[in-house]
Amino acid sequence: MGTIETKSERVTARITPKLKSFLKQAADLRGRSLTDFIVESAQKEAENIVEKGLLIQFTIEQQDQIIEALLHPSEPNEVLKQAAHFYDDADISSR
């Protein structure tokens, strides 16, 4: 059974009356309280930022190296050849 997380932290922000009115209008359109709307919107934006930050990012030079390795792979060494023979001899079938 899942645990219930209690809300115990407070965040405050100063905004203009115009922005508050705009956010309230959006919250009303969603059928949410202003606080719930702001928290939900901030959480979604934070999740997007963190998700994008966790993506693997390569420099142009690294991208070129990856493309070169894919287009022109090196010959397999002895260890890789032995592993391939072991795999073939083991008669491993995909499930």
Protein backbone atom coordinates (compact mmCIF):
# COMPACT_ATOMS: atom_id res chain seq x y z
CA MET A 1 0.00 0.00 0.00
CA GLY A 2 1.37 3.46 -0.89
CA THR A 3 2.29 6.04 1.66
CA ILE A 4 0.57 9.39 1.86
CA GLU A 5 2.94 12.32 1.60
CA THR A 6 1.92 15.25 3.75
CA LYS A 7 2.45 18.81 2.66
CA SER A 8 4.71 20.48 5.16
CA GLU A 9 6.78 23.01 3.23
CA ARG A 10 5.74 26.51 2.25
CA VAL A 11 6.93 28.49 -0.76
CA THR A 12 6.15 32.16 -1.18
CA ALA A 13 6.50 34.46 -4.15
CA ARG A 14 5.70 38.07 -4.86
CA ILE A 15 3.90 38.65 -8.14
CA THR A 16 2.08 41.52 -9.76
CA PRO A 17 -1.70 41.78 -9.40
CA LYS A 18 -1.95 41.37 -13.19
CA LEU A 19 -0.03 38.07 -13.12
CA LYS A 20 -2.05 36.82 -10.16
CA SER A 21 -5.27 37.59 -12.01
CA PHE A 22 -3.97 35.80 -15.11
CA LEU A 23 -2.91 32.72 -13.11
CA LYS A 24 -6.26 32.72 -11.30
CA GLN A 25 -8.07 32.78 -14.65
CA ALA A 26 -6.05 29.79 -15.85
CA ALA A 27 -6.65 27.94 -12.57
CA ASP A 28 -10.38 28.58 -12.83
CA LEU A 29 -10.39 27.21 -16.37
CA ARG A 30 -8.76 24.04 -15.05
CA GLY A 31 -11.14 23.86 -12.10
CA ARG A 32 -8.24 24.13 -9.66
CA SER A 33 -7.40 26.43 -6.81
CA LEU A 34 -4.74 29.02 -7.55
CA THR A 35 -2.28 27.29 -5.20
CA ASP A 36 -2.90 23.84 -6.71
CA PHE A 37 -2.56 25.25 -10.21
CA ILE A 38 0.75 26.97 -9.43
CA VAL A 39 2.20 23.92 -7.67
CA GLU A 40 1.08 21.55 -10.44
CA SER A 41 2.43 23.84 -13.17
CA ALA A 42 5.75 24.30 -11.39
CA GLN A 43 6.09 20.56 -10.83
CA LYS A 44 5.41 19.76 -14.50
CA GLU A 45 7.95 22.35 -15.63
CA ALA A 46 10.54 21.07 -13.15
CA GLU A 47 10.01 17.49 -14.36
CA ASN A 48 10.52 18.59 -17.98
CA ILE A 49 13.70 20.49 -17.12
CA VAL A 50 15.15 17.62 -15.09
CA GLU A 51 14.22 15.07 -17.76
CA LYS A 52 15.94 17.11 -20.46
CA GLY A 53 18.94 17.62 -18.20
CA LEU A 54 19.32 13.88 -17.76
CA LEU A 55 19.41 13.17 -21.49
CA ILE A 56 22.80 12.25 -22.83
CA GLN A 57 24.29 15.23 -24.56
CA PHE A 58 27.30 14.97 -26.85
CA THR A 59 29.58 17.59 -28.32
CA ILE A 60 29.88 17.77 -32.12
CA GLU A 61 33.25 16.02 -31.86
CA GLN A 62 31.75 13.20 -29.79
CA GLN A 63 28.87 12.87 -32.25
CA ASP A 64 31.37 12.58 -35.10
CA GLN A 65 33.28 9.87 -33.20
CA ILE A 66 30.09 7.87 -32.61
CA ILE A 67 29.07 8.14 -36.27
CA GLU A 68 32.55 7.11 -37.39
CA ALA A 69 32.51 4.08 -35.07
CA LEU A 70 29.09 3.03 -36.36
CA LEU A 71 29.97 3.50 -40.01
CA HIS A 72 33.45 1.98 -39.75
CA PRO A 73 33.55 -0.46 -36.84
CA SER A 74 36.90 -1.95 -35.87
CA GLU A 75 37.57 -5.65 -36.31
CA PRO A 76 36.52 -7.82 -33.35
CA ASN A 77 39.37 -8.73 -31.00
CA GLU A 78 40.05 -12.25 -29.73
CA VAL A 79 37.96 -11.84 -26.57
CA LEU A 80 34.92 -10.77 -28.57
CA LYS A 81 35.42 -13.65 -31.03
CA GLN A 82 35.59 -16.12 -28.11
CA ALA A 83 32.45 -14.65 -26.60
CA ALA A 84 30.63 -15.03 -29.92
CA HIS A 85 31.71 -18.68 -30.22
CA PHE A 86 30.63 -19.29 -26.61
CA TYR A 87 27.23 -17.74 -27.37
CA ASP A 88 26.81 -19.86 -30.50
CA ASP A 89 27.86 -23.04 -28.68
CA ALA A 90 25.53 -22.34 -25.75
CA ASP A 91 22.48 -22.52 -28.04
CA ILE A 92 20.85 -19.57 -26.33
CA SER A 93 17.46 -18.78 -27.79
CA SER A 94 15.63 -15.52 -27.30
CA ARG A 95 12.45 -15.77 -25.27
